[in-house]
C-alpha atoms as a PDB file:
ATOM      1  CA  MET A   1     108.245  55.336 128.239  1.00  0.00           C
ATOM      2  CA  GLU A   2     110.990  57.887 128.514  1.00  0.00           C
ATOM      3  CA  THR A   3     114.695  57.926 127.802  1.00  0.00           C
ATOM      4  CA  HIS A   4     116.991  60.618 126.545  1.00  0.00           C
ATOM      5  CA  LEU A   5     120.153  60.163 124.565  1.00  0.00           C
ATOM      6  CA  GLY A   6     122.736  62.636 125.644  1.00  0.00           C
ATOM      7  CA  LYS A   7     122.153  62.009 129.330  1.00  0.00           C
ATOM      8  CA  THR A   8     124.423  59.829 131.363  1.00  0.00           C
ATOM      9  CA  ASP A   9     121.727  57.340 132.321  1.00  0.00           C
ATOM     10  CA  MET A  10     118.254  56.292 131.026  1.00  0.00           C
ATOM     11  CA  ARG A  11     115.291  57.853 132.650  1.00  0.00           C
ATOM     12  CA  LYS A  12     112.908  55.610 134.516  1.00  0.00           C
ATOM     13  CA  MET A  13     109.994  53.880 132.859  1.00  0.00           C
ATOM     14  CA  MET A  14     106.747  55.610 133.521  1.00  0.00           C
ATOM     15  CA  THR A  15     103.157  54.492 133.704  1.00  0.00           C
ATOM     16  CA  ARG A  16     100.453  55.941 131.408  1.00  0.00           C
ATOM     17  CA  GLU A  17      98.975  57.745 134.414  1.00  0.00           C
ATOM     18  CA  GLU A  18     102.388  59.345 135.253  1.00  0.00           C
ATOM     19  CA  ILE A  19     102.743  60.409 131.607  1.00  0.00           C
ATOM     20  CA  ASN A  20      99.258  61.920 131.384  1.00  0.00           C
ATOM     21  CA  HIS A  21      99.992  63.806 134.588  1.00  0.00           C
ATOM     22  CA  ASN A  22     103.230  65.176 133.196  1.00  0.00           C
ATOM     23  CA  VAL A  23     101.562  66.294 130.008  1.00  0.00           C
ATOM     24  CA  GLU A  24      99.109  68.405 131.998  1.00  0.00           C
ATOM     25  CA  CYS A  25     101.916  69.835 134.008  1.00  0.00           C
ATOM     26  CA  PHE A  26     103.919  70.709 130.904  1.00  0.00           C
ATOM     27  CA  LYS A  27     100.843  72.406 129.362  1.00  0.00           C
ATOM     28  CA  LYS A  28     100.312  74.528 132.469  1.00  0.00           C
ATOM     29  CA  GLN A  29     103.981  75.671 132.339  1.00  0.00           C
ATOM     30  CA  MET A  30     104.007  76.273 128.658  1.00  0.00           C
ATOM     31  CA  ALA A  31     100.738  78.248 128.806  1.00  0.00           C
ATOM     32  CA  LYS A  32     102.838  81.139 130.167  1.00  0.00           C
ATOM     33  CA  PHE A  33     104.512  81.312 126.780  1.00  0.00           C
ATOM     34  CA  LEU A  34     102.082  79.762 124.255  1.00  0.00           C
ATOM     35  CA  ASN A  35      98.443  80.319 123.641  1.00  0.00           C
ATOM     36  CA  PHE A  36      96.499  77.032 123.719  1.00  0.00           C
ATOM     37  CA  GLU A  37      93.073  78.619 123.068  1.00  0.00           C
ATOM     38  CA  GLY A  38      91.123  79.322 119.884  1.00  0.00           C
ATOM     39  CA  GLU A  39      91.387  77.884 116.324  1.00  0.00           C
ATOM     40  CA  ASN A  40      95.013  78.880 115.939  1.00  0.00           C
ATOM     41  CA  GLY A  41      96.129  78.003 119.367  1.00  0.00           C
ATOM     42  CA  ALA A  42      99.016  75.705 120.165  1.00  0.00           C
ATOM     43  CA  ILE A  43      98.407  71.979 120.302  1.00  0.00           C
ATOM     44  CA  ILE A  44      99.870  69.637 122.921  1.00  0.00           C
ATOM     45  CA  VAL A  45      99.772  65.874 121.982  1.00  0.00           C
ATOM     46  CA  ASN A  46     101.051  62.740 123.724  1.00  0.00           C
ATOM     47  CA  ASN A  47     103.255  60.373 121.771  1.00  0.00           C
ATOM     48  CA  ALA A  48     101.998  57.557 123.974  1.00  0.00           C
ATOM     49  CA  ASP A  49      98.848  57.772 121.908  1.00  0.00           C
ATOM     50  CA  TRP A  50     100.697  56.172 118.988  1.00  0.00           C
ATOM     51  CA  LEU A  51     103.803  54.568 120.527  1.00  0.00           C
ATOM     52  CA  LEU A  52     102.099  52.377 123.078  1.00  0.00           C
ATOM     53  CA  ASN A  53      99.946  50.615 120.462  1.00  0.00           C
ATOM     54  CA  LEU A  54     102.677  49.998 117.892  1.00  0.00           C
ATOM     55  CA  ASN A  55     102.924  46.475 116.387  1.00  0.00           C
ATOM     56  CA  PHE A  56     106.612  45.484 116.687  1.00  0.00           C
ATOM     57  CA  ILE A  57     106.798  43.510 113.389  1.00  0.00           C
ATOM     58  CA  GLU A  58     105.003  46.147 111.424  1.00  0.00           C
ATOM     59  CA  PHE A  59     107.069  48.955 112.990  1.00  0.00           C
ATOM     60  CA  MET A  60     110.410  47.228 112.279  1.00  0.00           C
ATOM     61  CA  ARG A  61     109.259  46.376 108.689  1.00  0.00           C
ATOM     62  CA  ASP A  62     108.011  49.843 107.823  1.00  0.00           C
ATOM     63  CA  ILE A  63     110.255  52.053 109.928  1.00  0.00           C
ATOM     64  CA  GLY A  64     113.256  50.012 111.087  1.00  0.00           C
ATOM     65  CA  SER A  65     114.078  48.974 107.506  1.00  0.00           C
ATOM     66  CA  LEU A  66     114.670  52.654 106.613  1.00  0.00           C
ATOM     67  CA  PHE A  67     117.486  53.162 109.235  1.00  0.00           C
ATOM     68  CA  SER A  68     121.153  52.202 108.796  1.00  0.00           C
ATOM     69  CA  VAL A  69     122.638  50.871 112.085  1.00  0.00           C
ATOM     70  CA  ASN A  70     126.133  51.833 110.747  1.00  0.00           C
ATOM     71  CA  LYS A  71     124.925  55.448 110.330  1.00  0.00           C
ATOM     72  CA  MET A  72     123.203  55.518 113.608  1.00  0.00           C
ATOM     73  CA  LEU A  73     126.369  54.422 115.503  1.00  0.00           C
ATOM     74  CA  SER A  74     128.318  57.154 113.995  1.00  0.00           C
ATOM     75  CA  ALA A  75     126.108  59.671 115.942  1.00  0.00           C
ATOM     76  CA  GLU A  76     127.846  61.229 118.893  1.00  0.00           C
ATOM     77  CA  CYS A  77     124.962  60.247 121.276  1.00  0.00           C
ATOM     78  CA  TYR A  78     125.677  56.539 120.579  1.00  0.00           C
ATOM     79  CA  LYS A  79     129.447  56.826 120.459  1.00  0.00           C
ATOM     80  CA  GLN A  80     129.337  57.948 124.116  1.00  0.00           C
ATOM     81  CA  ARG A  81     127.473  54.754 125.112  1.00  0.00           C
ATOM     82  CA  MET A  82     129.559  52.194 123.129  1.00  0.00           C
ATOM     83  CA  GLU A  83     132.208  51.633 125.709  1.00  0.00           C
ATOM     84  CA  ARG A  84     129.802  50.691 128.548  1.00  0.00           C
ATOM     85  CA  GLY A  85     127.464  48.828 126.359  1.00  0.00           C
ATOM     86  CA  LEU A  86     124.553  50.075 124.175  1.00  0.00           C
ATOM     87  CA  THR A  87     121.162  48.407 124.762  1.00  0.00           C
ATOM     88  CA  PHE A  88     118.702  47.805 121.907  1.00  0.00           C
ATOM     89  CA  PHE A  89     116.199  49.916 123.874  1.00  0.00           C
ATOM     90  CA  GLU A  90     118.599  52.886 123.710  1.00  0.00           C
ATOM     91  CA  LEU A  91     119.381  52.174 120.038  1.00  0.00           C
ATOM     92  CA  GLY A  92     115.703  52.193 119.226  1.00  0.00           C
ATOM     93  CA  TYR A  93     115.178  55.601 120.745  1.00  0.00           C
ATOM     94  CA  MET A  94     116.222  57.365 117.566  1.00  0.00           C
ATOM     95  CA  LEU A  95     113.570  55.324 115.672  1.00  0.00           C
ATOM     96  CA  MET A  96     110.823  56.233 118.048  1.00  0.00           C
ATOM     97  CA  GLN A  97     111.680  59.964 118.118  1.00  0.00           C
ATOM     98  CA  SER A  98     111.975  59.963 114.360  1.00  0.00           C
ATOM     99  CA  TYR A  99     108.636  58.253 114.089  1.00  0.00           C
ATOM    100  CA  ASP A 100     107.176  60.960 116.379  1.00  0.00           C
ATOM    101  CA  PHE A 101     108.250  63.588 113.916  1.00  0.00           C
ATOM    102  CA  LEU A 102     106.700  61.609 111.074  1.00  0.00           C
ATOM    103  CA  LYS A 103     103.365  61.234 112.889  1.00  0.00           C
ATOM    104  CA  LEU A 104     103.302  65.007 113.718  1.00  0.00           C
ATOM    105  CA  TYR A 105     104.091  65.759 110.049  1.00  0.00           C
ATOM    106  CA  GLU A 106     101.343  63.527 108.683  1.00  0.00           C
ATOM    107  CA  GLU A 107      98.670  64.309 111.344  1.00  0.00           C
ATOM    108  CA  TYR A 108      99.304  68.017 112.035  1.00  0.00           C
ATOM    109  CA  GLY A 109     101.424  69.323 109.109  1.00  0.00           C
ATOM    110  CA  CYS A 110     104.380  69.851 111.616  1.00  0.00           C
ATOM    111  CA  LYS A 111     107.463  70.590 109.517  1.00  0.00           C
ATOM    112  CA  LEU A 112     109.975  71.897 112.042  1.00  0.00           C
ATOM    113  CA  GLN A 113     111.277  70.093 115.133  1.00  0.00           C
ATOM    114  CA  LEU A 114     113.233  72.145 117.754  1.00  0.00           C
ATOM    115  CA  GLY A 115     115.389  70.834 120.552  1.00  0.00           C
ATOM    116  CA  GLY A 116     118.635  71.218 122.425  1.00  0.00           C
ATOM    117  CA  ASN A 117     121.790  70.616 120.453  1.00  0.00           C
ATOM    118  CA  ASP A 118     122.278  67.229 122.167  1.00  0.00           C
ATOM    119  CA  GLN A 119     119.150  66.158 120.130  1.00  0.00           C
ATOM    120  CA  TRP A 120     120.793  66.966 116.742  1.00  0.00           C
ATOM    121  CA  SER A 121     121.190  63.338 115.598  1.00  0.00           C
ATOM    122  CA  ASN A 122     117.639  62.388 116.709  1.00  0.00           C
ATOM    123  CA  ILE A 123     116.113  65.315 114.982  1.00  0.00           C
ATOM    124  CA  LEU A 124     117.988  64.582 111.798  1.00  0.00           C
ATOM    125  CA  GLY A 125     116.753  60.963 112.006  1.00  0.00           C
ATOM    126  CA  GLY A 126     113.192  62.302 111.795  1.00  0.00           C
ATOM    127  CA  VAL A 127     114.040  64.689 108.891  1.00  0.00           C
ATOM    128  CA  ASP A 128     115.735  61.716 107.066  1.00  0.00           C
ATOM    129  CA  LEU A 129     112.727  59.444 107.708  1.00  0.00           C
ATOM    130  CA  ILE A 130     110.252  61.982 106.305  1.00  0.00           C
ATOM    131  CA  ARG A 131     112.526  62.406 103.266  1.00  0.00           C
ATOM    132  CA  ARG A 132     112.700  58.673 102.689  1.00  0.00           C
ATOM    133  CA  ILE A 133     108.884  58.487 102.460  1.00  0.00           C
ATOM    134  CA  GLY A 134     108.933  61.070  99.789  1.00  0.00           C
ATOM    135  CA  HIS A 135     108.709  64.549 101.453  1.00  0.00           C
ATOM    136  CA  SER A 136     111.605  67.144 101.421  1.00  0.00           C
ATOM    137  CA  ASP A 137     109.891  69.950 103.411  1.00  0.00           C
ATOM    138  CA  SER A 138     110.822  68.968 107.047  1.00  0.00           C
ATOM    139  CA  PHE A 139     113.509  70.724 109.029  1.00  0.00           C
ATOM    140  CA  GLY A 140     115.303  70.646 112.403  1.00  0.00           C
ATOM    141  CA  LEU A 141     116.460  73.551 114.522  1.00  0.00           C
ATOM    142  CA  THR A 142     118.645  73.134 117.637  1.00  0.00           C
ATOM    143  CA  PHE A 143     119.715  75.600 120.246  1.00  0.00           C
ATOM    144  CA  LYS A 144     122.642  75.930 122.542  1.00  0.00           C
ATOM    145  CA  LEU A 145     122.380  74.185 126.013  1.00  0.00           C
ATOM    146  CA  LEU A 146     123.136  76.102 129.100  1.00  0.00           C
ATOM    147  CA  THR A 147     126.250  74.467 130.585  1.00  0.00           C
ATOM    148  CA  THR A 148     128.704  75.145 133.373  1.00  0.00           C
ATOM    149  CA  LYS A 149     132.369  75.876 132.733  1.00  0.00           C
ATOM    150  CA  GLU A 150     132.875  72.112 133.236  1.00  0.00           C
ATOM    151  CA  GLY A 151     130.541  71.431 130.313  1.00  0.00           C
ATOM    152  CA  LYS A 152     127.766  69.997 132.507  1.00  0.00           C
ATOM    153  CA  LYS A 153     124.133  71.059 131.943  1.00  0.00           C
ATOM    154  CA  MET A 154     123.048  73.874 134.198  1.00  0.00           C
ATOM    155  CA  GLY A 155     120.109  73.385 136.397  1.00  0.00           C
ATOM    156  CA  LYS A 156     121.499  71.461 139.393  1.00  0.00           C
ATOM    157  CA  THR A 157     120.996  72.643 142.942  1.00  0.00           C
ATOM    158  CA  GLU A 158     122.013  71.378 146.382  1.00  0.00           C
ATOM    159  CA  LYS A 159     118.523  69.751 146.532  1.00  0.00           C
ATOM    160  CA  GLY A 160     118.754  68.197 143.042  1.00  0.00           C
ATOM    161  CA  ALA A 161     117.266  69.484 139.775  1.00  0.00           C
ATOM    162  CA  LEU A 162     116.017  73.036 139.278  1.00  0.00           C
ATOM    163  CA  TRP A 163     112.276  72.745 138.454  1.00  0.00           C
ATOM    164  CA  LEU A 164     109.928  75.183 136.752  1.00  0.00           C
ATOM    165  CA  ASP A 165     107.032  73.840 138.984  1.00  0.00           C
ATOM    166  CA  PRO A 166     106.895  76.056 142.143  1.00  0.00           C
ATOM    167  CA  GLN A 167     105.731  73.054 144.199  1.00  0.00           C
ATOM    168  CA  LYS A 168     109.139  71.405 143.380  1.00  0.00           C
ATOM    169  CA  THR A 169     111.410  74.468 143.322  1.00  0.00           C
ATOM    170  CA  SER A 170     110.079  77.550 145.117  1.00  0.00           C
ATOM    171  CA  PRO A 171     110.363  80.908 143.328  1.00  0.00           C
ATOM    172  CA  TYR A 172     112.798  81.987 146.007  1.00  0.00           C
ATOM    173  CA  GLU A 173     115.037  78.896 145.410  1.00  0.00           C
ATOM    174  CA  PHE A 174     114.724  79.431 141.729  1.00  0.00           C
ATOM    175  CA  TYR A 175     115.803  83.063 142.104  1.00  0.00           C
ATOM    176  CA  GLN A 176     118.714  82.011 144.328  1.00  0.00           C
ATOM    177  CA  TYR A 177     119.968  79.540 141.809  1.00  0.00           C
ATOM    178  CA  TRP A 178     120.484  82.227 139.185  1.00  0.00           C
ATOM    179  CA  ARG A 179     121.633  84.714 141.710  1.00  0.00           C
ATOM    180  CA  ASN A 180     124.563  82.401 142.480  1.00  0.00           C
ATOM    181  CA  ILE A 181     125.726  81.436 139.075  1.00  0.00           C
ATOM    182  CA  ALA A 182     129.462  81.573 138.327  1.00  0.00           C
ATOM    183  CA  ASP A 183     130.855  84.959 137.021  1.00  0.00           C
ATOM    184  CA  GLU A 184     131.900  83.436 133.785  1.00  0.00           C
ATOM    185  CA  ASP A 185     128.285  82.118 133.133  1.00  0.00           C
ATOM    186  CA  VAL A 186     126.556  85.585 133.420  1.00  0.00           C
ATOM    187  CA  LYS A 187     126.857  86.672 129.753  1.00  0.00           C
ATOM    188  CA  THR A 188     125.558  83.285 128.547  1.00  0.00           C
ATOM    189  CA  VAL A 189     122.601  83.321 130.872  1.00  0.00           C
ATOM    190  CA  LEU A 190     121.614  86.890 130.177  1.00  0.00           C
ATOM    191  CA  SER A 191     122.005  86.317 126.436  1.00  0.00           C
ATOM    192  CA  LEU A 192     120.002  83.121 126.117  1.00  0.00           C
ATOM    193  CA  ILE A 193     117.137  83.342 128.640  1.00  0.00           C
ATOM    194  CA  THR A 194     116.314  86.943 129.214  1.00  0.00           C
ATOM    195  CA  PHE A 195     114.973  89.565 126.829  1.00  0.00           C
ATOM    196  CA  LEU A 196     117.465  92.306 127.843  1.00  0.00           C
ATOM    197  CA  PRO A 197     118.884  94.239 124.942  1.00  0.00           C
ATOM    198  CA  MET A 198     122.361  92.918 124.028  1.00  0.00           C
ATOM    199  CA  ASP A 199     123.910  96.297 124.788  1.00  0.00           C
ATOM    200  CA  GLU A 200     122.588  95.944 128.342  1.00  0.00           C
ATOM    201  CA  VAL A 201     123.826  92.282 128.491  1.00  0.00           C
ATOM    202  CA  ASN A 202     127.254  93.397 127.349  1.00  0.00           C
ATOM    203  CA  ARG A 203     127.350  96.221 129.988  1.00  0.00           C
ATOM    204  CA  LEU A 204     126.212  94.005 132.830  1.00  0.00           C
ATOM    205  CA  SER A 205     128.469  91.072 132.069  1.00  0.00           C
ATOM    206  CA  SER A 206     131.445  93.346 131.806  1.00  0.00           C
ATOM    207  CA  LEU A 207     131.121  94.869 135.302  1.00  0.00           C
ATOM    208  CA  PRO A 208     134.319  94.452 137.214  1.00  0.00           C
ATOM    209  CA  GLY A 209     134.994  92.589 140.491  1.00  0.00           C
ATOM    210  CA  GLU A 210     132.196  92.546 143.069  1.00  0.00           C
ATOM    211  CA  GLN A 211     129.904  94.577 140.729  1.00  0.00           C
ATOM    212  CA  ILE A 212     129.229  91.502 138.681  1.00  0.00           C
ATOM    213  CA  ASN A 213     126.793  90.635 141.488  1.00  0.00           C
ATOM    214  CA  GLU A 214     124.490  93.248 140.180  1.00  0.00           C
ATOM    215  CA  ALA A 215     124.404  91.456 136.834  1.00  0.00           C
ATOM    216  CA  LYS A 216     123.518  88.231 138.688  1.00  0.00           C
ATOM    217  CA  LYS A 217     120.727  89.871 140.520  1.00  0.00           C
ATOM    218  CA  LYS A 218     119.355  91.253 137.229  1.00  0.00           C
ATOM    219  CA  ALA A 219     119.501  87.757 135.725  1.00  0.00           C
ATOM    220  CA  ALA A 220     117.804  86.208 138.653  1.00  0.00           C
ATOM    221  CA  PHE A 221     115.026  88.808 138.701  1.00  0.00           C
ATOM    222  CA  GLU A 222     114.448  88.589 134.887  1.00  0.00           C
ATOM    223  CA  ILE A 223     114.316  84.815 134.679  1.00  0.00           C
ATOM    224  CA  THR A 224     112.147  84.396 137.808  1.00  0.00           C
ATOM    225  CA  LYS A 225     109.813  87.084 136.368  1.00  0.00           C
ATOM    226  CA  LEU A 226     109.483  85.080 133.147  1.00  0.00           C
ATOM    227  CA  ILE A 227     108.809  81.757 134.815  1.00  0.00           C
ATOM    228  CA  HIS A 228     106.888  82.792 137.932  1.00  0.00           C
ATOM    229  CA  SER A 229     105.660  86.427 137.417  1.00  0.00           C
ATOM    230  CA  GLU A 230     106.986  89.732 138.364  1.00  0.00           C
ATOM    231  CA  GLU A 231     105.225  89.610 141.745  1.00  0.00           C
ATOM    232  CA  GLU A 232     107.042  86.457 142.668  1.00  0.00           C
ATOM    233  CA  ALA A 233     110.338  87.794 141.404  1.00  0.00           C
ATOM    234  CA  LEU A 234     109.897  90.816 143.631  1.00  0.00           C
ATOM    235  CA  LYS A 235     109.156  88.699 146.623  1.00  0.00           C
ATOM    236  CA  ALA A 236     112.185  86.485 145.989  1.00  0.00           C
ATOM    237  CA  GLU A 237     114.424  89.540 145.457  1.00  0.00           C
ATOM    238  CA  GLU A 238     113.139  91.112 148.844  1.00  0.00           C
ATOM    239  CA  ALA A 239     113.806  87.879 150.743  1.00  0.00           C
ATOM    240  CA  SER A 240     117.262  87.563 149.249  1.00  0.00           C
ATOM    241  CA  ASN A 241     118.065  91.105 150.175  1.00  0.00           C
ATOM    242  CA  ALA A 242     116.945  90.555 153.677  1.00  0.00           C
ATOM    243  CA  LEU A 243     119.188  87.535 154.135  1.00  0.00           C
ATOM    244  CA  PHE A 244     122.278  88.759 152.321  1.00  0.00           C
ATOM    245  CA  GLU A 245     122.316  92.548 152.600  1.00  0.00           C
ATOM    246  CA  GLY A 246     120.331  93.122 155.754  1.00  0.00           C
ATOM    247  CA  ASN A 247     117.475  94.991 154.118  1.00  0.00           C
ATOM    248  CA  GLY A 248     114.195  93.701 152.819  1.00  0.00           C
ATOM    249  CA  SER A 249     111.659  91.249 154.339  1.00  0.00           C
ATOM    250  CA  LEU A 250     112.040  87.618 155.387  1.00  0.00           C
ATOM    251  CA  GLU A 251     108.334  87.028 154.762  1.00  0.00           C
ATOM    252  CA  HIS A 252     108.864  85.338 151.377  1.00  0.00           C
ATOM    253  CA  MET A 253     111.842  83.144 152.031  1.00  0.00           C
ATOM    254  CA  PRO A 254     111.173  79.248 152.195  1.00  0.00           C
ATOM    255  CA  THR A 255     109.247  78.574 155.328  1.00  0.00           C
ATOM    256  CA  THR A 256     108.102  75.441 157.169  1.00  0.00           C
ATOM    257  CA  LYS A 257     105.576  75.732 160.037  1.00  0.00           C
ATOM    258  CA  VAL A 258     106.161  73.591 163.091  1.00  0.00           C
ATOM    259  CA  GLU A 259     103.733  72.416 165.705  1.00  0.00           C
ATOM    260  CA  THR A 260     106.263  72.488 168.435  1.00  0.00           C
ATOM    261  CA  THR A 261     109.558  74.338 168.922  1.00  0.00           C
ATOM    262  CA  LYS A 262     110.996  71.356 170.746  1.00  0.00           C
ATOM    263  CA  LEU A 263     112.581  69.168 168.069  1.00  0.00           C
ATOM    264  CA  SER A 264     115.985  67.975 167.386  1.00  0.00           C
ATOM    265  CA  ILE A 265     118.382  69.753 165.036  1.00  0.00           C
ATOM    266  CA  LEU A 266     118.565  66.562 162.999  1.00  0.00           C
ATOM    267  CA  ASP A 267     114.782  66.363 162.638  1.00  0.00           C
ATOM    268  CA  ALA A 268     114.669  70.068 161.710  1.00  0.00           C
ATOM    269  CA  MET A 269     117.246  69.602 158.999  1.00  0.00           C
ATOM    270  CA  ILE A 270     115.296  66.668 157.490  1.00  0.00           C
ATOM    271  CA  LEU A 271     112.060  68.590 157.752  1.00  0.00           C
ATOM    272  CA  VAL A 272     113.331  71.484 155.704  1.00  0.00           C
ATOM    273  CA  GLY A 273     115.132  69.254 153.197  1.00  0.00           C
ATOM    274  CA  PHE A 274     118.678  70.030 154.093  1.00  0.00           C
ATOM    275  CA  ALA A 275     119.373  66.279 154.491  1.00  0.00           C
ATOM    276  CA  PRO A 276     117.498  63.097 153.469  1.00  0.00           C
ATOM    277  CA  SER A 277     118.494  61.141 156.606  1.00  0.00           C
ATOM    278  CA  LYS A 278     119.872  61.688 160.100  1.00  0.00           C
ATOM    279  CA  GLY A 279     123.229  60.215 159.079  1.00  0.00           C
ATOM    280  CA  GLN A 280     123.706  62.816 156.416  1.00  0.00           C
ATOM    281  CA  ALA A 281     122.425  65.545 158.711  1.00  0.00           C
ATOM    282  CA  ARG A 282     125.000  64.520 161.335  1.00  0.00           C
ATOM    283  CA  THR A 283     127.771  64.676 158.679  1.00  0.00           C
ATOM    284  CA  LEU A 284     126.755  68.230 157.596  1.00  0.00           C
ATOM    285  CA  ILE A 285     126.861  69.389 161.241  1.00  0.00           C
ATOM    286  CA  LEU A 286     130.281  67.698 161.840  1.00  0.00           C
ATOM    287  CA  GLN A 287     131.611  69.363 158.638  1.00  0.00           C
ATOM    288  CA  GLY A 288     130.576  72.751 160.078  1.00  0.00           C
ATOM    289  CA  GLY A 289     128.000  73.383 157.354  1.00  0.00           C
ATOM    290  CA  ILE A 290     124.862  74.221 159.455  1.00  0.00           C
ATOM    291  CA  THR A 291     124.090  77.415 161.389  1.00  0.00           C
ATOM    292  CA  LEU A 292     121.006  78.222 163.427  1.00  0.00           C
ATOM    293  CA  ASN A 293     120.187  81.857 163.853  1.00  0.00           C
ATOM    294  CA  ASP A 294     123.733  82.737 162.632  1.00  0.00           C
ATOM    295  CA  GLU A 295     125.350  80.452 165.214  1.00  0.00           C
ATOM    296  CA  LYS A 296     127.178  77.448 163.892  1.00  0.00           C
ATOM    297  CA  VAL A 297     125.782  74.181 165.129  1.00  0.00           C
ATOM    298  CA  THR A 298     128.346  71.806 166.559  1.00  0.00           C
ATOM    299  CA  ASP A 299     126.276  69.527 168.733  1.00  0.00           C
ATOM    300  CA  ILE A 300     124.479  66.765 166.815  1.00  0.00           C
ATOM    301  CA  THR A 301     122.189  66.193 169.726  1.00  0.00           C
ATOM    302  CA  TYR A 302     121.075  69.785 169.993  1.00  0.00           C
ATOM    303  CA  MET A 303     117.402  70.328 170.770  1.00  0.00           C
ATOM    304  CA  LEU A 304     115.610  73.455 169.508  1.00  0.00           C
ATOM    305  CA  SER A 305     113.416  75.235 172.015  1.00  0.00           C
ATOM    306  CA  ASP A 306     111.351  78.440 172.491  1.00  0.00           C
ATOM    307  CA  THR A 307     114.641  80.511 172.930  1.00  0.00           C
ATOM    308  CA  ASP A 308     115.499  79.686 169.300  1.00  0.00           C
ATOM    309  CA  PHE A 309     112.147  81.162 168.177  1.00  0.00           C
ATOM    310  CA  LYS A 310     112.457  84.635 169.857  1.00  0.00           C
ATOM    311  CA  GLU A 311     110.536  86.448 167.112  1.00  0.00           C
ATOM    312  CA  GLY A 312     108.353  83.441 166.315  1.00  0.00           C
ATOM    313  CA  TYR A 313     110.767  81.933 163.826  1.00  0.00           C
ATOM    314  CA  ALA A 314     114.274  80.342 163.570  1.00  0.00           C
ATOM    315  CA  ILE A 315     116.550  80.544 160.576  1.00  0.00           C
ATOM    316  CA  LEU A 316     118.490  77.401 159.548  1.00  0.00           C
ATOM    317  CA  LYS A 317     121.313  77.900 157.158  1.00  0.00           C
ATOM    318  CA  LYS A 318     123.117  75.272 155.052  1.00  0.00           C
ATOM    319  CA  GLY A 319     126.559  76.284 153.736  1.00  0.00           C
ATOM    320  CA  LYS A 320     126.706  79.865 152.740  1.00  0.00           C
ATOM    321  CA  LYS A 321     123.657  80.308 150.514  1.00  0.00           C
ATOM    322  CA  VAL A 322     120.834  77.930 151.482  1.00  0.00           C
ATOM    323  CA  PHE A 323     118.316  79.388 154.030  1.00  0.00           C
ATOM    324  CA  HIS A 324     115.058  78.139 155.555  1.00  0.00           C
ATOM    325  CA  LYS A 325     112.723  79.561 158.082  1.00  0.00           C
ATOM    326  CA  LEU A 326     111.119  77.493 160.771  1.00  0.00           C
ATOM    327  CA  GLU A 327     107.927  79.237 162.007  1.00  0.00           C
ATOM    328  CA  LYS A 328     105.937  78.315 165.009  1.00  0.00           C
END
């Protein structure tokens, strides 16, 4: 099961199979930063191994009795939910995460739990639980979250969430997200998620006017290199330069192959992920948000043909920054 206090809504319940699949995906992603091999390699464990088999009465007697509801409700993560109603499932999340820390402490000697600063109360719950059973050598460490100027978590795109998995967010789309961050977010992004020296971070984030775009390009390249490799970062950079600056290659931009050039503009938009339905595709066209080969589309009944694929491909554009290549 999965929920996350600090988010607006609870996450969906997951099957054991879905959880196991996600664990393998996380391990693959983390293997770029952690070594899982050898005697001293990192260990990845699944809390479903102990949470799914808990006896409710025993858990509430042994663990629940060590928590004060009054103290829990003073935590910011619960205060935010009190107005709309706090379920017992949500209230119990702190107990489960705290119990996770206790199990890791007992089974693996884990003494430090790290997380975003929205997890501060939950991490402290674990530290306090370990203290209550007689140990004083557990600790919590939180780090600043990446947020927009409105205070919302960064990582949202026009297609939804920004994923580390290249099957969900291509390296090009990943690059473009960081290339298009707000000017005021440049210093925070460069400081927190690149390894550039702070002197260089300060120089880049202080560039005036349009020159700040050079800092955004640097951020996009460095972050894409970290997550997807330098080769993929170079490909994304080249595709971006080709689209926005007229130099570089279109070879590495998001591409969908089509069996026929004769398809409706609405079907094409759905195919490349610009809209989930024909209704929303029509709305985007009527709002003037779609171009085909640099020509604004105004006819919702328009049918693509060979003339739109003069060089073997057609370029669809959504808004100012989202591109997709249709290739026959």
